[in-house]
N, C-alpha and C. Protein backbone atom coordinates (compact mmCIF):
# COMPACT_ATOMS: atom_id res chain seq x y z
N ASP A 1 3.19 -0.17 17.66
CA ASP A 1 3.52 -0.30 19.11
C ASP A 1 2.77 0.13 19.69
N ASP A 2 1.41 1.04 19.41
CA ASP A 2 0.37 1.38 20.52
C ASP A 2 -0.60 0.20 20.30
N GLY A 3 -0.39 -0.75 19.70
CA GLY A 3 -1.25 -1.94 20.14
C GLY A 3 -2.66 -2.14 19.22
N ALA A 4 -2.86 -1.23 18.61
CA ALA A 4 -4.03 -1.10 17.89
C ALA A 4 -4.12 -2.32 16.69
N HIS A 5 -4.81 -2.50 16.39
CA HIS A 5 -4.96 -3.33 14.94
C HIS A 5 -6.35 -2.92 13.93
N THR A 6 -5.46 -2.90 13.31
CA THR A 6 -6.45 -1.63 11.78
C THR A 6 -6.09 -3.25 10.65
N ARG A 7 -7.50 -2.41 9.47
CA ARG A 7 -6.72 -3.25 8.54
C ARG A 7 -7.47 -2.36 7.38
N ALA A 8 -7.04 -2.69 6.10
CA ALA A 8 -6.83 -1.34 5.22
C ALA A 8 -7.39 -2.35 3.61
N PRO A 9 -8.28 -1.74 3.13
CA PRO A 9 -8.59 -2.51 1.98
C PRO A 9 -7.72 -2.75 0.60
N MET A 10 -7.72 -3.86 0.02
CA MET A 10 -6.39 -3.86 -0.23
C MET A 10 -6.44 -3.29 -1.83
N ARG A 11 -7.52 -2.56 -2.31
CA ARG A 11 -7.30 -2.19 -3.74
C ARG A 11 -6.77 -0.65 -3.23
N ALA A 12 -7.24 -0.07 -1.97
CA ALA A 12 -6.78 1.30 -1.78
C ALA A 12 -5.38 1.31 -1.35
N LEU A 13 -4.76 0.15 -0.60
CA LEU A 13 -3.86 0.18 -0.23
C LEU A 13 -2.60 0.39 -2.40
N ARG A 14 -3.27 -0.54 -2.99
CA ARG A 14 -2.81 -0.70 -4.29
C ARG A 14 -2.78 1.03 -5.20
N LEU A 15 -3.90 1.37 -5.06
CA LEU A 15 -4.25 2.61 -5.56
C LEU A 15 -3.42 3.85 -4.93
N SER A 16 -2.72 3.59 -3.39
CA SER A 16 -1.78 4.17 -2.87
C SER A 16 -0.39 4.23 -2.87
N CYS A 17 0.09 3.65 -3.38
CA CYS A 17 1.21 2.95 -3.93
C CYS A 17 1.90 4.49 -3.76
N PRO A 18 3.44 4.21 -3.10
CA PRO A 18 4.25 5.20 -3.36
C PRO A 18 5.18 5.35 -4.16
N CYS A 19 5.11 4.35 -4.77
CA CYS A 19 6.50 4.08 -5.37
C CYS A 19 6.57 4.94 -6.79
N ALA A 20 7.82 5.19 -7.63
CA ALA A 20 8.28 6.50 -8.43
C ALA A 20 7.66 5.43 -9.70
N GLY A 21 6.95 4.01 -9.92
CA GLY A 21 6.21 3.93 -10.80
C GLY A 21 4.35 4.16 -10.93
N CYS A 22 4.30 4.67 -9.69
CA CYS A 22 2.59 5.24 -9.84
C CYS A 22 2.76 6.39 -9.37
N VAL A 23 4.06 7.58 -8.90
CA VAL A 23 3.93 8.75 -8.35
C VAL A 23 5.10 9.26 -9.13
N GLU A 24 4.77 10.28 -9.78
CA GLU A 24 6.03 11.05 -10.47
C GLU A 24 6.81 11.96 -9.19
N GLU A 25 8.05 11.53 -9.47
CA GLU A 25 8.64 11.80 -8.68
C GLU A 25 9.24 13.23 -8.26
N GLY A 26 9.16 13.88 -9.43
CA GLY A 26 9.40 15.73 -8.88
C GLY A 26 8.50 16.00 -8.70
N THR A 27 7.04 15.66 -8.74
CA THR A 27 5.83 16.31 -8.66
C THR A 27 4.99 16.15 -7.49
N GLY A 28 5.01 14.46 -7.56
CA GLY A 28 4.29 14.22 -6.46
C GLY A 28 2.98 13.54 -6.88
N ARG A 29 2.71 14.01 -8.97
CA ARG A 29 1.97 13.63 -9.27
C ARG A 29 1.55 11.85 -9.12
N ARG A 30 -0.05 11.72 -9.22
CA ARG A 30 -0.24 10.27 -9.08
C ARG A 30 -0.31 10.20 -10.80
N THR A 31 0.52 8.91 -11.21
CA THR A 31 0.57 8.54 -12.68
C THR A 31 -0.74 7.32 -12.37
N LEU A 32 -0.26 6.37 -11.51
CA LEU A 32 -1.30 5.28 -11.52
C LEU A 32 -2.86 5.46 -12.13
N VAL A 33 -3.41 4.74 -13.05
CA VAL A 33 -4.65 5.01 -13.40
C VAL A 33 -5.65 4.12 -12.66
N ALA A 34 -6.48 4.05 -11.99
CA ALA A 34 -7.20 3.35 -11.28
C ALA A 34 -8.45 2.08 -11.87
N ASP A 35 -8.45 2.90 -13.06
CA ASP A 35 -9.49 1.89 -14.00
C ASP A 35 -8.24 0.70 -14.23
N THR A 36 -7.10 0.97 -14.36
CA THR A 36 -5.96 -0.25 -14.58
C THR A 36 -5.95 -1.51 -13.62
N VAL A 37 -6.14 -0.79 -12.13
CA VAL A 37 -6.42 -1.72 -11.11
C VAL A 37 -7.30 -2.85 -11.08
N PRO A 38 -7.33 -3.72 -10.77
CA PRO A 38 -8.72 -4.85 -10.43
C PRO A 38 -8.91 -4.72 -9.38
N PRO A 39 -10.60 -4.46 -9.27
CA PRO A 39 -11.40 -4.27 -7.94
C PRO A 39 -11.26 -5.58 -7.00
N ASP A 40 -10.60 -6.61 -7.38
CA ASP A 40 -10.49 -7.55 -6.62
C ASP A 40 -8.57 -8.48 -6.33
N VAL A 41 -8.10 -6.90 -6.54
CA VAL A 41 -6.68 -7.00 -6.37
C VAL A 41 -6.48 -7.33 -5.15
N THR A 42 -5.41 -8.19 -4.70
CA THR A 42 -5.11 -8.60 -3.31
C THR A 42 -3.46 -8.17 -2.97
N VAL A 43 -3.14 -8.29 -1.53
CA VAL A 43 -1.59 -8.44 -1.64
C VAL A 43 -1.29 -9.66 -1.35
N VAL A 44 -0.59 -10.33 -1.89
CA VAL A 44 0.38 -11.83 -1.74
C VAL A 44 1.84 -11.90 -1.12
N GLU A 45 2.00 -11.11 -0.85
CA GLU A 45 3.51 -11.06 0.01
C GLU A 45 3.73 -9.46 0.29
N ALA A 46 3.80 -9.65 1.92
CA ALA A 46 4.63 -8.47 2.36
C ALA A 46 5.70 -8.81 3.14
N THR A 47 6.70 -7.58 3.02
CA THR A 47 8.25 -8.51 3.67
C THR A 47 8.42 -6.90 4.17
N PRO A 48 9.06 -7.10 5.62
CA PRO A 48 9.40 -6.42 6.22
C PRO A 48 10.48 -5.18 5.64
N ILE A 49 10.37 -4.19 5.88
CA ILE A 49 11.62 -3.30 5.14
C ILE A 49 12.08 -2.61 6.85
N GLY A 50 13.20 -3.20 7.50
CA GLY A 50 13.62 -2.72 9.11
C GLY A 50 12.84 -2.72 9.84
N ASN A 51 12.54 -1.66 10.63
CA ASN A 51 11.44 -1.56 11.30
C ASN A 51 10.30 -0.46 11.22
N TYR A 52 10.37 0.12 9.72
CA TYR A 52 9.78 1.26 9.34
C TYR A 52 8.77 0.81 8.30
N ALA A 53 8.77 -0.25 7.71
CA ALA A 53 7.51 -0.28 6.29
C ALA A 53 7.43 -1.84 5.86
N LEU A 54 6.46 -1.66 5.10
CA LEU A 54 6.23 -3.25 4.56
C LEU A 54 6.64 -3.10 3.25
N ALA A 55 6.94 -3.98 2.22
CA ALA A 55 6.83 -3.99 1.23
C ALA A 55 6.29 -4.95 0.44
N LEU A 56 5.24 -4.66 -0.56
CA LEU A 56 4.12 -4.99 -1.00
C LEU A 56 3.82 -5.53 -1.94
N VAL A 57 3.89 -6.94 -2.35
CA VAL A 57 3.46 -7.42 -3.60
C VAL A 57 2.01 -7.72 -3.97
N PHE A 58 1.00 -7.34 -4.80
CA PHE A 58 0.02 -7.38 -5.21
C PHE A 58 -0.44 -8.59 -6.27
N SER A 59 -1.37 -8.97 -6.23
CA SER A 59 -1.64 -9.85 -6.99
C SER A 59 -1.41 -9.84 -8.83
N ASP A 60 -2.01 -7.98 -9.02
CA ASP A 60 -1.65 -7.61 -10.63
C ASP A 60 -0.54 -7.54 -10.94
N GLY A 61 0.43 -8.08 -10.13
CA GLY A 61 1.92 -7.99 -10.46
C GLY A 61 3.17 -7.08 -9.62
N HIS A 62 2.05 -5.71 -9.45
CA HIS A 62 3.12 -5.03 -9.37
C HIS A 62 3.81 -5.17 -7.37
N ARG A 63 5.26 -4.67 -7.39
CA ARG A 63 5.72 -5.18 -6.27
C ARG A 63 6.82 -3.96 -6.18
N THR A 64 6.77 -2.90 -6.38
CA THR A 64 7.65 -2.10 -6.14
C THR A 64 7.30 -1.17 -5.32
N GLY A 65 6.15 -1.18 -3.84
CA GLY A 65 5.80 -0.50 -3.43
C GLY A 65 6.20 -0.73 -1.96
N ILE A 66 6.78 0.42 -1.48
CA ILE A 66 6.94 0.12 0.33
C ILE A 66 6.29 0.98 1.03
N PHE A 67 5.45 0.73 1.63
CA PHE A 67 4.89 1.40 2.79
C PHE A 67 5.07 1.60 4.04
N ASP A 68 5.44 2.25 4.44
CA ASP A 68 5.92 2.69 5.94
C ASP A 68 4.83 2.67 7.18
N TRP A 69 4.85 2.63 7.92
CA TRP A 69 3.89 2.14 9.21
C TRP A 69 2.61 3.62 8.89
N GLY A 70 3.19 4.80 9.02
CA GLY A 70 2.12 5.99 8.75
C GLY A 70 1.28 5.91 8.02
N THR A 71 1.81 5.66 6.69
CA THR A 71 1.03 5.30 5.68
C THR A 71 -0.26 4.24 5.73
N LEU A 72 0.66 2.86 6.17
CA LEU A 72 -0.46 2.21 6.22
C LEU A 72 -1.45 2.60 7.47
N ARG A 73 -1.24 2.78 8.06
CA ARG A 73 -2.16 3.18 9.36
C ARG A 73 -3.39 4.30 8.57
N ALA A 74 -2.58 4.89 8.01
CA ALA A 74 -3.76 6.49 7.91
C ALA A 74 -4.87 5.59 6.72
N LEU A 75 -4.31 4.63 6.00
CA LEU A 75 -5.23 3.76 4.91
C LEU A 75 -6.26 2.81 5.45
N SER A 76 -5.85 2.75 6.90
CA SER A 76 -6.43 1.62 7.47
C SER A 76 -7.81 2.02 8.76
N GLU A 77 -8.97 0.86 9.01
CA GLU A 77 -9.73 1.31 9.68
C GLU A 77 -9.28 0.47 10.96
N PRO A 78 -9.95 0.69 12.40
CA PRO A 78 -9.70 0.15 13.59
C PRO A 78 -10.58 -1.38 13.25
N PHE A 79 -9.64 -2.57 13.62
CA PHE A 79 -10.24 -3.95 13.43
C PHE A 79 -10.14 -4.14 14.72
N PRO A 80 -11.48 -5.00 15.62
CA PRO A 80 -11.62 -4.77 17.21
C PRO A 80 -10.77 -6.65 17.04
N ARG A 81 -10.28 -6.74 18.42
CA ARG A 81 -9.54 -7.99 18.17
C ARG A 81 -10.70 -8.87 19.01
């Protein structure tokens, strides 16, 4: 809503996935092993979830992460228009 344009490294998004398969629900401990994520992983699909998030599908087949706008902004950097 603030008009900012940003971009995020694809691998950083994958490594930060907040889903229950990548983060232990009870403790918040990250369970995803970084070495299992290819360096060239990409986002192959992004689907809006209401007005608060995007569901991302990655080229490594991972598809259960829902990234809210705050998380996406925190993982991104300014991108000039």
